[in-house]
Each structure stands twice: as structure tokens, then as C-alpha cells.
Amino acid sequence: MMLTDFCHERGFPIYEIYADDGYSGLNFNRPAFTKLLEDIDSGKVNLVITKELGRLGRAYIQTGYYTDVYFTRKRVRYIAVNDGIDTNREDNDIAPFKNILNDMYAKDLSRKV
């Protein structure tokens, strides 16, 4: 609901809501994530918004690939609301460090479980 409100307040139309409940963010073979990539490839999506960077993914190398390479090549804007990341801005220097911490958190949690 928070992200829906965020979009409505800023006039961003919502094409689809992609949710991979029950899947680890270390896994990029999630059904909804795969569908998102298909929709980006077919030109249906040009903006991806998540609550935080860790919701996109927790494996720092792959998450960095999507935010820094894939989305850029596809001309897709990415916003992580709570982390203050917006690829339309230049001040996203913290993103790689957040990716590393998200990866470490997921691995630590897995060990504890």
C-alpha cells in the first residue's frame, strides 16, 4: 500500500505489482521477478519501485548488475523508496554498500535459521 500511495502521489501509473512472497532475495529465478524482466524486455515497464533495495534482491553482485547495468541499458528508472535511491539522480553512491549489507544479512540469517 505504501508503494501504491507513493506512485499515486507522484503521478506514476502502475502497470503491474510484482510480488515474490516466500522466495529468498538471494534467488533471482523468482517467478514475479522473471515476469518483471519479461515486461521490461517487451517495453511495458520503464520504472521499477521497491520499498528498499533489498526487496529487489539481496545478492549484491546480481542486484548491482540490475541497478547499474540492466536497468540502464533498458532505460528503466529504479527507485528504492526507503533507501533514498533513484537512478535519475547522481547521488546513489551508498547503493553498492547497501547491496553488500543486504547480502551479508541474508547469509547471516540463513546460518542462524
N, C-alpha and C. Protein backbone atom coordinates (compact mmCIF):
# COMPACT_ATOMS: atom_id res chain seq x y z
N MET A 1 0.82 -1.18 0.00
CA MET A 1 0.00 0.00 0.00
C MET A 1 0.88 1.27 0.00
N MET A 2 1.99 1.21 0.73
CA MET A 2 2.90 2.35 0.78
C MET A 2 3.40 2.71 -0.62
N LEU A 3 3.77 1.68 -1.40
CA LEU A 3 4.29 1.94 -2.73
C LEU A 3 3.19 2.42 -3.68
N THR A 4 1.99 1.90 -3.51
CA THR A 4 0.86 2.36 -4.32
C THR A 4 0.61 3.84 -4.05
N ASP A 5 0.60 4.22 -2.78
CA ASP A 5 0.42 5.63 -2.42
C ASP A 5 1.55 6.49 -2.99
N PHE A 6 2.78 5.99 -2.90
CA PHE A 6 3.94 6.70 -3.44
C PHE A 6 3.73 6.99 -4.93
N CYS A 7 3.28 5.99 -5.66
CA CYS A 7 3.06 6.15 -7.11
C CYS A 7 1.94 7.15 -7.39
N HIS A 8 0.83 7.03 -6.68
CA HIS A 8 -0.30 7.94 -6.89
C HIS A 8 0.08 9.38 -6.58
N GLU A 9 0.83 9.59 -5.50
CA GLU A 9 1.24 10.95 -5.12
C GLU A 9 2.13 11.59 -6.16
N ARG A 10 2.89 10.79 -6.89
CA ARG A 10 3.84 11.32 -7.87
C ARG A 10 3.35 11.17 -9.31
N GLY A 11 2.17 10.63 -9.49
CA GLY A 11 1.61 10.50 -10.83
C GLY A 11 2.22 9.38 -11.65
N PHE A 12 2.81 8.37 -10.98
CA PHE A 12 3.38 7.22 -11.69
C PHE A 12 2.27 6.21 -11.93
N PRO A 13 1.97 5.90 -13.18
CA PRO A 13 0.96 4.85 -13.42
C PRO A 13 1.52 3.49 -13.01
N ILE A 14 0.65 2.63 -12.52
CA ILE A 14 1.07 1.29 -12.09
C ILE A 14 0.66 0.31 -13.17
N TYR A 15 1.65 -0.31 -13.81
CA TYR A 15 1.38 -1.32 -14.83
C TYR A 15 1.05 -2.66 -14.18
N GLU A 16 1.85 -3.03 -13.19
CA GLU A 16 1.70 -4.34 -12.54
C GLU A 16 2.38 -4.27 -11.17
N ILE A 17 1.91 -5.08 -10.26
CA ILE A 17 2.59 -5.26 -8.98
C ILE A 17 3.20 -6.65 -8.99
N TYR A 18 4.50 -6.71 -8.84
CA TYR A 18 5.24 -7.97 -8.88
C TYR A 18 5.63 -8.35 -7.46
N ALA A 19 5.12 -9.46 -6.96
CA ALA A 19 5.41 -9.87 -5.58
C ALA A 19 5.87 -11.32 -5.57
N ASP A 20 7.00 -11.54 -4.95
CA ASP A 20 7.57 -12.89 -4.83
C ASP A 20 7.60 -13.32 -3.37
N ASP A 21 6.44 -13.32 -2.75
CA ASP A 21 6.35 -13.74 -1.35
C ASP A 21 6.81 -15.18 -1.22
N GLY A 22 7.61 -15.45 -0.19
CA GLY A 22 8.07 -16.80 0.07
C GLY A 22 9.35 -17.18 -0.65
N TYR A 23 9.90 -16.27 -1.45
CA TYR A 23 11.15 -16.53 -2.16
C TYR A 23 12.27 -15.70 -1.56
N SER A 24 13.45 -16.26 -1.50
CA SER A 24 14.61 -15.54 -0.99
C SER A 24 15.08 -14.50 -2.01
N GLY A 25 15.50 -13.35 -1.49
CA GLY A 25 16.06 -12.31 -2.34
C GLY A 25 17.43 -12.68 -2.88
N LEU A 26 18.01 -13.78 -2.38
CA LEU A 26 19.27 -14.27 -2.94
C LEU A 26 19.03 -15.00 -4.25
N ASN A 27 17.77 -15.34 -4.50
CA ASN A 27 17.38 -16.09 -5.70
C ASN A 27 16.79 -15.13 -6.73
N PHE A 28 17.38 -15.06 -7.89
CA PHE A 28 16.85 -14.19 -8.95
C PHE A 28 16.01 -14.97 -9.96
N ASN A 29 15.73 -16.23 -9.67
CA ASN A 29 14.84 -17.03 -10.51
C ASN A 29 13.44 -17.06 -9.89
N ARG A 30 13.04 -15.95 -9.31
CA ARG A 30 11.71 -15.83 -8.71
C ARG A 30 10.68 -15.58 -9.82
N PRO A 31 9.50 -16.19 -9.72
CA PRO A 31 8.50 -16.05 -10.80
C PRO A 31 8.13 -14.61 -11.13
N ALA A 32 7.83 -13.80 -10.13
CA ALA A 32 7.43 -12.42 -10.40
C ALA A 32 8.60 -11.59 -10.93
N PHE A 33 9.81 -11.86 -10.44
CA PHE A 33 10.98 -11.13 -10.93
C PHE A 33 11.22 -11.48 -12.40
N THR A 34 11.06 -12.75 -12.74
CA THR A 34 11.21 -13.17 -14.14
C THR A 34 10.18 -12.49 -15.02
N LYS A 35 8.94 -12.39 -14.53
CA LYS A 35 7.87 -11.71 -15.27
C LYS A 35 8.19 -10.22 -15.43
N LEU A 36 8.75 -9.61 -14.39
CA LEU A 36 9.16 -8.21 -14.47
C LEU A 36 10.18 -8.02 -15.59
N LEU A 37 11.18 -8.89 -15.65
CA LEU A 37 12.20 -8.77 -16.69
C LEU A 37 11.60 -8.96 -18.08
N GLU A 38 10.65 -9.88 -18.21
CA GLU A 38 9.97 -10.06 -19.49
C GLU A 38 9.22 -8.79 -19.89
N ASP A 39 8.55 -8.17 -18.93
CA ASP A 39 7.81 -6.94 -19.22
C ASP A 39 8.74 -5.78 -19.54
N ILE A 40 9.89 -5.72 -18.91
CA ILE A 40 10.88 -4.70 -19.25
C ILE A 40 11.39 -4.94 -20.67
N ASP A 41 11.75 -6.19 -20.97
CA ASP A 41 12.26 -6.52 -22.30
C ASP A 41 11.27 -6.21 -23.41
N SER A 42 9.99 -6.35 -23.11
CA SER A 42 8.96 -6.09 -24.14
C SER A 42 8.53 -4.62 -24.16
N GLY A 43 9.17 -3.78 -23.33
CA GLY A 43 8.90 -2.35 -23.35
C GLY A 43 7.67 -1.92 -22.57
N LYS A 44 7.12 -2.79 -21.75
CA LYS A 44 5.92 -2.47 -20.97
C LYS A 44 6.23 -1.71 -19.68
N VAL A 45 7.47 -1.83 -19.19
CA VAL A 45 7.85 -1.24 -17.91
C VAL A 45 9.10 -0.38 -18.10
N ASN A 46 9.04 0.87 -17.59
CA ASN A 46 10.22 1.73 -17.65
C ASN A 46 10.56 2.34 -16.29
N LEU A 47 9.86 1.87 -15.25
CA LEU A 47 10.12 2.32 -13.88
C LEU A 47 9.85 1.16 -12.94
N VAL A 48 10.83 0.89 -12.07
CA VAL A 48 10.69 -0.16 -11.06
C VAL A 48 10.86 0.52 -9.70
N ILE A 49 9.90 0.27 -8.81
CA ILE A 49 9.95 0.87 -7.48
C ILE A 49 9.83 -0.24 -6.45
N THR A 50 10.75 -0.23 -5.48
CA THR A 50 10.68 -1.16 -4.36
C THR A 50 10.73 -0.35 -3.06
N LYS A 51 10.29 -0.98 -1.99
CA LYS A 51 10.33 -0.32 -0.69
C LYS A 51 11.77 -0.01 -0.30
N GLU A 52 12.64 -0.98 -0.53
CA GLU A 52 14.07 -0.80 -0.24
C GLU A 52 14.86 -1.66 -1.21
N LEU A 53 16.13 -1.40 -1.31
CA LEU A 53 17.00 -2.09 -2.25
C LEU A 53 16.98 -3.60 -2.06
N GLY A 54 16.91 -4.05 -0.83
CA GLY A 54 16.91 -5.48 -0.53
C GLY A 54 15.68 -6.20 -1.06
N ARG A 55 14.63 -5.47 -1.38
CA ARG A 55 13.43 -6.08 -1.96
C ARG A 55 13.63 -6.42 -3.43
N LEU A 56 14.55 -5.73 -4.09
CA LEU A 56 14.88 -6.09 -5.47
C LEU A 56 15.68 -7.38 -5.47
N GLY A 57 16.66 -7.45 -4.57
CA GLY A 57 17.48 -8.64 -4.45
C GLY A 57 18.48 -8.46 -3.33
N ARG A 58 19.00 -9.57 -2.84
CA ARG A 58 19.95 -9.50 -1.73
C ARG A 58 21.35 -9.97 -2.12
N ALA A 59 21.51 -10.54 -3.27
CA ALA A 59 22.84 -10.95 -3.74
C ALA A 59 23.48 -9.70 -4.37
N TYR A 60 24.50 -9.17 -3.72
CA TYR A 60 24.97 -7.83 -4.09
C TYR A 60 25.49 -7.71 -5.51
N ILE A 61 26.13 -8.72 -6.04
CA ILE A 61 26.65 -8.61 -7.41
C ILE A 61 25.50 -8.59 -8.41
N GLN A 62 24.54 -9.48 -8.24
CA GLN A 62 23.41 -9.52 -9.17
C GLN A 62 22.52 -8.29 -9.02
N THR A 63 22.28 -7.86 -7.80
CA THR A 63 21.46 -6.67 -7.60
C THR A 63 22.14 -5.46 -8.24
N GLY A 64 23.45 -5.35 -8.04
CA GLY A 64 24.20 -4.26 -8.66
C GLY A 64 24.15 -4.34 -10.18
N TYR A 65 24.19 -5.54 -10.72
CA TYR A 65 24.06 -5.70 -12.18
C TYR A 65 22.73 -5.12 -12.67
N TYR A 66 21.65 -5.47 -11.98
CA TYR A 66 20.35 -4.98 -12.43
C TYR A 66 20.23 -3.47 -12.28
N THR A 67 20.67 -2.92 -11.16
CA THR A 67 20.53 -1.47 -10.96
C THR A 67 21.49 -0.66 -11.81
N ASP A 68 22.71 -1.15 -12.00
CA ASP A 68 23.73 -0.35 -12.69
C ASP A 68 23.87 -0.65 -14.18
N VAL A 69 23.55 -1.87 -14.60
CA VAL A 69 23.77 -2.26 -15.99
C VAL A 69 22.45 -2.51 -16.72
N TYR A 70 21.71 -3.50 -16.28
CA TYR A 70 20.50 -3.92 -16.98
C TYR A 70 19.48 -2.78 -17.09
N PHE A 71 19.12 -2.17 -15.95
CA PHE A 71 18.13 -1.09 -15.99
C PHE A 71 18.63 0.08 -16.84
N THR A 72 19.89 0.38 -16.76
CA THR A 72 20.45 1.48 -17.56
C THR A 72 20.33 1.17 -19.05
N ARG A 73 20.72 -0.02 -19.44
CA ARG A 73 20.63 -0.42 -20.86
C ARG A 73 19.19 -0.40 -21.37
N LYS A 74 18.27 -0.77 -20.50
CA LYS A 74 16.85 -0.82 -20.89
C LYS A 74 16.14 0.51 -20.68
N ARG A 75 16.87 1.51 -20.20
CA ARG A 75 16.31 2.84 -19.92
C ARG A 75 15.17 2.76 -18.90
N VAL A 76 15.43 1.99 -17.84
CA VAL A 76 14.47 1.81 -16.76
C VAL A 76 14.96 2.57 -15.54
N ARG A 77 14.11 3.40 -15.02
CA ARG A 77 14.40 4.13 -13.78
C ARG A 77 14.11 3.20 -12.61
N TYR A 78 14.99 3.21 -11.61
CA TYR A 78 14.78 2.39 -10.41
C TYR A 78 14.77 3.29 -9.18
N ILE A 79 13.76 3.08 -8.33
CA ILE A 79 13.65 3.82 -7.08
C ILE A 79 13.51 2.83 -5.93
N ALA A 80 14.35 2.97 -4.91
CA ALA A 80 14.19 2.25 -3.64
C ALA A 80 13.79 3.31 -2.62
N VAL A 81 12.51 3.38 -2.32
CA VAL A 81 11.93 4.49 -1.57
C VAL A 81 12.62 4.72 -0.23
N ASN A 82 12.65 3.72 0.65
CA ASN A 82 13.20 3.93 2.00
C ASN A 82 14.71 4.13 2.02
N ASP A 83 15.40 3.70 0.97
CA ASP A 83 16.85 3.87 0.91
C ASP A 83 17.25 5.16 0.21
N GLY A 84 16.28 5.89 -0.32
CA GLY A 84 16.59 7.16 -0.99
C GLY A 84 17.35 6.99 -2.29
N ILE A 85 17.20 5.85 -2.93
CA ILE A 85 17.91 5.59 -4.19
C ILE A 85 16.97 5.85 -5.35
N ASP A 86 17.45 6.62 -6.31
CA ASP A 86 16.70 6.92 -7.53
C ASP A 86 17.72 7.05 -8.64
N THR A 87 17.67 6.18 -9.61
CA THR A 87 18.68 6.19 -10.67
C THR A 87 18.58 7.41 -11.58
N ASN A 88 17.57 8.25 -11.39
CA ASN A 88 17.53 9.52 -12.12
C ASN A 88 18.42 10.57 -11.46
N ARG A 89 18.91 10.27 -10.27
CA ARG A 89 19.80 11.18 -9.56
C ARG A 89 21.23 10.64 -9.58
N GLU A 90 22.17 11.50 -9.31
CA GLU A 90 23.58 11.12 -9.32
C GLU A 90 24.11 10.71 -7.94
N ASP A 91 23.34 10.91 -6.88
CA ASP A 91 23.85 10.71 -5.53
C ASP A 91 23.47 9.34 -4.94
N ASN A 92 23.74 8.29 -5.68
CA ASN A 92 23.42 6.93 -5.25
C ASN A 92 24.66 6.14 -4.83
N ASP A 93 25.67 6.84 -4.36
CA ASP A 93 26.95 6.20 -4.02
C ASP A 93 26.82 5.14 -2.92
N ILE A 94 25.80 5.24 -2.09
CA ILE A 94 25.62 4.30 -0.98
C ILE A 94 25.07 2.95 -1.46
N ALA A 95 24.48 2.89 -2.63
CA ALA A 95 23.80 1.68 -3.12
C ALA A 95 24.69 0.43 -3.09
N PRO A 96 25.93 0.46 -3.58
CA PRO A 96 26.75 -0.76 -3.54
C PRO A 96 26.98 -1.27 -2.11
N PHE A 97 27.12 -0.35 -1.17
CA PHE A 97 27.34 -0.75 0.22
C PHE A 97 26.07 -1.37 0.82
N LYS A 98 24.93 -0.81 0.47
CA LYS A 98 23.66 -1.39 0.92
C LYS A 98 23.49 -2.79 0.32
N ASN A 99 23.90 -2.97 -0.94
CA ASN A 99 23.82 -4.29 -1.57
C ASN A 99 24.66 -5.31 -0.81
N ILE A 100 25.86 -4.92 -0.43
CA ILE A 100 26.74 -5.82 0.32
C ILE A 100 26.12 -6.17 1.67
N LEU A 101 25.60 -5.16 2.38
CA LEU A 101 24.99 -5.41 3.69
C LEU A 101 23.75 -6.30 3.56
N ASN A 102 22.95 -6.09 2.52
CA ASN A 102 21.77 -6.94 2.31
C ASN A 102 22.18 -8.39 2.06
N ASP A 103 23.24 -8.57 1.30
CA ASP A 103 23.75 -9.92 1.02
C ASP A 103 24.23 -10.57 2.31
N MET A 104 25.02 -9.84 3.09
CA MET A 104 25.55 -10.37 4.34
C MET A 104 24.42 -10.69 5.32
N TYR A 105 23.41 -9.84 5.38
CA TYR A 105 22.27 -10.05 6.28
C TYR A 105 21.56 -11.35 5.91
N ALA A 106 21.30 -11.55 4.62
CA ALA A 106 20.59 -12.76 4.16
C ALA A 106 21.39 -14.02 4.50
N LYS A 107 22.69 -13.99 4.28
CA LYS A 107 23.52 -15.15 4.58
C LYS A 107 23.61 -15.40 6.08
N ASP A 108 23.70 -14.35 6.87
CA ASP A 108 23.75 -14.50 8.32
C ASP A 108 22.43 -15.06 8.85
N LEU A 109 21.33 -14.56 8.34
CA LEU A 109 20.02 -15.06 8.75
C LEU A 109 19.86 -16.53 8.38
N SER A 110 20.34 -16.91 7.23
CA SER A 110 20.26 -18.31 6.79
C SER A 110 21.05 -19.21 7.73
N ARG A 111 22.25 -18.76 8.13
CA ARG A 111 23.06 -19.54 9.06
C ARG A 111 22.35 -19.71 10.40
N LYS A 112 21.71 -18.64 10.87
CA LYS A 112 21.03 -18.67 12.17
C LYS A 112 19.81 -19.58 12.14
N VAL A 113 19.13 -19.59 11.02
CA VAL A 113 17.95 -20.45 10.90
C VAL A 113 18.37 -21.89 10.86
